[in-house]
Amino acid sequence: MAIKPGDYVGSDDNEATMTVVEIVDDKALCRWFVDGDVDGDELEAWLPIASLTVL
């Protein structure tokens, strides 16, 4: 299954549920909330698509 913007993903390196915002080449821009708290800080990072699993 191909990962696409809007998917919820996880990785072995990050226990948070992340949202894919954008895909460029072999990387996905992912956003997630620290400690899963939607009132907390939101983080984002470009992660290798190969390290992600669709939830």
N, C-alpha and C. Protein backbone atom coordinates (compact mmCIF):
# COMPACT_ATOMS: atom_id res chain seq x y z
N MET A 1 0.85 -1.18 0.00
CA MET A 1 0.00 0.00 0.00
C MET A 1 0.90 1.25 0.00
N ALA A 2 0.66 2.13 -0.92
CA ALA A 2 1.46 3.35 -1.03
C ALA A 2 1.01 4.37 0.02
N ILE A 3 1.98 5.02 0.61
CA ILE A 3 1.69 6.08 1.59
C ILE A 3 1.38 7.36 0.81
N LYS A 4 0.34 8.07 1.27
CA LYS A 4 -0.07 9.30 0.60
C LYS A 4 -0.43 10.37 1.62
N PRO A 5 -0.43 11.64 1.21
CA PRO A 5 -0.82 12.71 2.14
C PRO A 5 -2.19 12.43 2.76
N GLY A 6 -2.29 12.68 4.06
CA GLY A 6 -3.53 12.43 4.79
C GLY A 6 -3.53 11.12 5.55
N ASP A 7 -2.59 10.22 5.21
CA ASP A 7 -2.50 8.93 5.91
C ASP A 7 -1.98 9.13 7.33
N TYR A 8 -2.42 8.26 8.21
CA TYR A 8 -1.85 8.18 9.56
C TYR A 8 -0.81 7.08 9.53
N VAL A 9 0.39 7.40 10.01
CA VAL A 9 1.50 6.46 9.95
C VAL A 9 2.20 6.36 11.29
N GLY A 10 2.98 5.32 11.43
CA GLY A 10 3.83 5.13 12.60
C GLY A 10 5.18 4.65 12.13
N SER A 11 6.15 4.66 13.03
CA SER A 11 7.48 4.14 12.72
C SER A 11 8.07 3.51 13.97
N ASP A 12 9.08 2.69 13.76
CA ASP A 12 9.75 2.06 14.89
C ASP A 12 10.52 3.09 15.72
N ASP A 13 10.91 4.21 15.10
CA ASP A 13 11.70 5.23 15.78
C ASP A 13 10.87 6.25 16.55
N ASN A 14 9.55 6.27 16.31
CA ASN A 14 8.70 7.28 16.92
C ASN A 14 7.37 6.62 17.28
N GLU A 15 7.03 6.57 18.56
CA GLU A 15 5.81 5.88 18.97
C GLU A 15 4.53 6.68 18.72
N ALA A 16 4.67 7.93 18.29
CA ALA A 16 3.50 8.77 18.04
C ALA A 16 2.79 8.37 16.75
N THR A 17 1.49 8.62 16.70
CA THR A 17 0.75 8.51 15.45
C THR A 17 0.98 9.81 14.69
N MET A 18 1.49 9.69 13.48
CA MET A 18 1.84 10.87 12.69
C MET A 18 0.91 10.99 11.49
N THR A 19 0.73 12.22 11.01
CA THR A 19 -0.04 12.48 9.81
C THR A 19 0.92 12.87 8.69
N VAL A 20 0.77 12.24 7.53
CA VAL A 20 1.58 12.59 6.37
C VAL A 20 1.00 13.85 5.74
N VAL A 21 1.84 14.86 5.58
CA VAL A 21 1.42 16.14 5.02
C VAL A 21 1.78 16.24 3.54
N GLU A 22 2.97 15.77 3.21
CA GLU A 22 3.48 15.92 1.84
C GLU A 22 4.48 14.80 1.56
N ILE A 23 4.57 14.42 0.29
CA ILE A 23 5.54 13.41 -0.15
C ILE A 23 6.42 14.06 -1.21
N VAL A 24 7.74 13.93 -1.04
CA VAL A 24 8.70 14.39 -2.04
C VAL A 24 9.75 13.30 -2.19
N ASP A 25 9.84 12.75 -3.40
CA ASP A 25 10.78 11.66 -3.69
C ASP A 25 10.57 10.51 -2.71
N ASP A 26 11.58 10.19 -1.90
CA ASP A 26 11.48 9.06 -0.98
C ASP A 26 11.29 9.49 0.46
N LYS A 27 10.83 10.73 0.67
CA LYS A 27 10.61 11.25 2.03
C LYS A 27 9.17 11.74 2.19
N ALA A 28 8.70 11.66 3.43
CA ALA A 28 7.35 12.13 3.76
C ALA A 28 7.47 13.17 4.87
N LEU A 29 6.80 14.30 4.69
CA LEU A 29 6.71 15.30 5.75
C LEU A 29 5.61 14.86 6.70
N CYS A 30 5.98 14.58 7.94
CA CYS A 30 5.03 14.07 8.93
C CYS A 30 4.88 15.05 10.08
N ARG A 31 3.67 15.15 10.61
CA ARG A 31 3.39 15.99 11.78
C ARG A 31 2.78 15.12 12.86
N TRP A 32 3.13 15.47 14.12
CA TRP A 32 2.56 14.77 15.27
C TRP A 32 2.63 15.66 16.48
N PHE A 33 1.85 15.32 17.49
CA PHE A 33 1.83 16.07 18.74
C PHE A 33 2.71 15.37 19.77
N VAL A 34 3.47 16.17 20.51
CA VAL A 34 4.33 15.63 21.56
C VAL A 34 3.46 14.90 22.58
N ASP A 35 3.84 13.71 22.94
CA ASP A 35 3.14 12.88 23.92
C ASP A 35 1.68 12.62 23.54
N GLY A 36 1.33 12.80 22.28
CA GLY A 36 -0.03 12.53 21.82
C GLY A 36 -1.06 13.51 22.34
N ASP A 37 -0.62 14.61 22.95
CA ASP A 37 -1.51 15.60 23.55
C ASP A 37 -1.79 16.71 22.54
N VAL A 38 -3.03 16.77 22.02
CA VAL A 38 -3.36 17.76 21.00
C VAL A 38 -3.27 19.20 21.51
N ASP A 39 -3.19 19.38 22.81
CA ASP A 39 -2.98 20.72 23.37
C ASP A 39 -1.49 21.03 23.50
N GLY A 40 -0.64 20.04 23.22
CA GLY A 40 0.81 20.21 23.34
C GLY A 40 1.43 20.74 22.06
N ASP A 41 2.75 20.69 22.03
CA ASP A 41 3.49 21.17 20.87
C ASP A 41 3.36 20.20 19.71
N GLU A 42 3.26 20.77 18.51
CA GLU A 42 3.22 19.96 17.30
C GLU A 42 4.61 19.96 16.68
N LEU A 43 5.08 18.79 16.29
CA LEU A 43 6.38 18.64 15.65
C LEU A 43 6.17 18.19 14.22
N GLU A 44 7.17 18.43 13.38
CA GLU A 44 7.15 17.91 12.03
C GLU A 44 8.57 17.59 11.60
N ALA A 45 8.67 16.60 10.71
CA ALA A 45 9.98 16.18 10.22
C ALA A 45 9.80 15.44 8.90
N TRP A 46 10.86 15.51 8.07
CA TRP A 46 10.91 14.71 6.85
C TRP A 46 11.48 13.35 7.22
N LEU A 47 10.73 12.30 6.94
CA LEU A 47 11.14 10.94 7.30
C LEU A 47 11.16 10.06 6.05
N PRO A 48 12.07 9.08 6.01
CA PRO A 48 12.09 8.16 4.87
C PRO A 48 10.79 7.35 4.81
N ILE A 49 10.20 7.30 3.63
CA ILE A 49 8.94 6.57 3.46
C ILE A 49 9.12 5.10 3.85
N ALA A 50 10.28 4.54 3.57
CA ALA A 50 10.54 3.13 3.86
C ALA A 50 10.46 2.82 5.36
N SER A 51 10.62 3.85 6.21
CA SER A 51 10.58 3.62 7.67
C SER A 51 9.17 3.74 8.24
N LEU A 52 8.17 4.06 7.40
CA LEU A 52 6.81 4.32 7.87
C LEU A 52 5.88 3.16 7.59
N THR A 53 4.88 2.99 8.46
CA THR A 53 3.84 1.99 8.30
C THR A 53 2.49 2.67 8.39
N VAL A 54 1.61 2.41 7.42
CA VAL A 54 0.26 2.97 7.47
C VAL A 54 -0.50 2.31 8.60
N LEU A 55 -1.17 3.11 9.41
CA LEU A 55 -1.93 2.59 10.55
C LEU A 55 -3.39 2.37 10.17
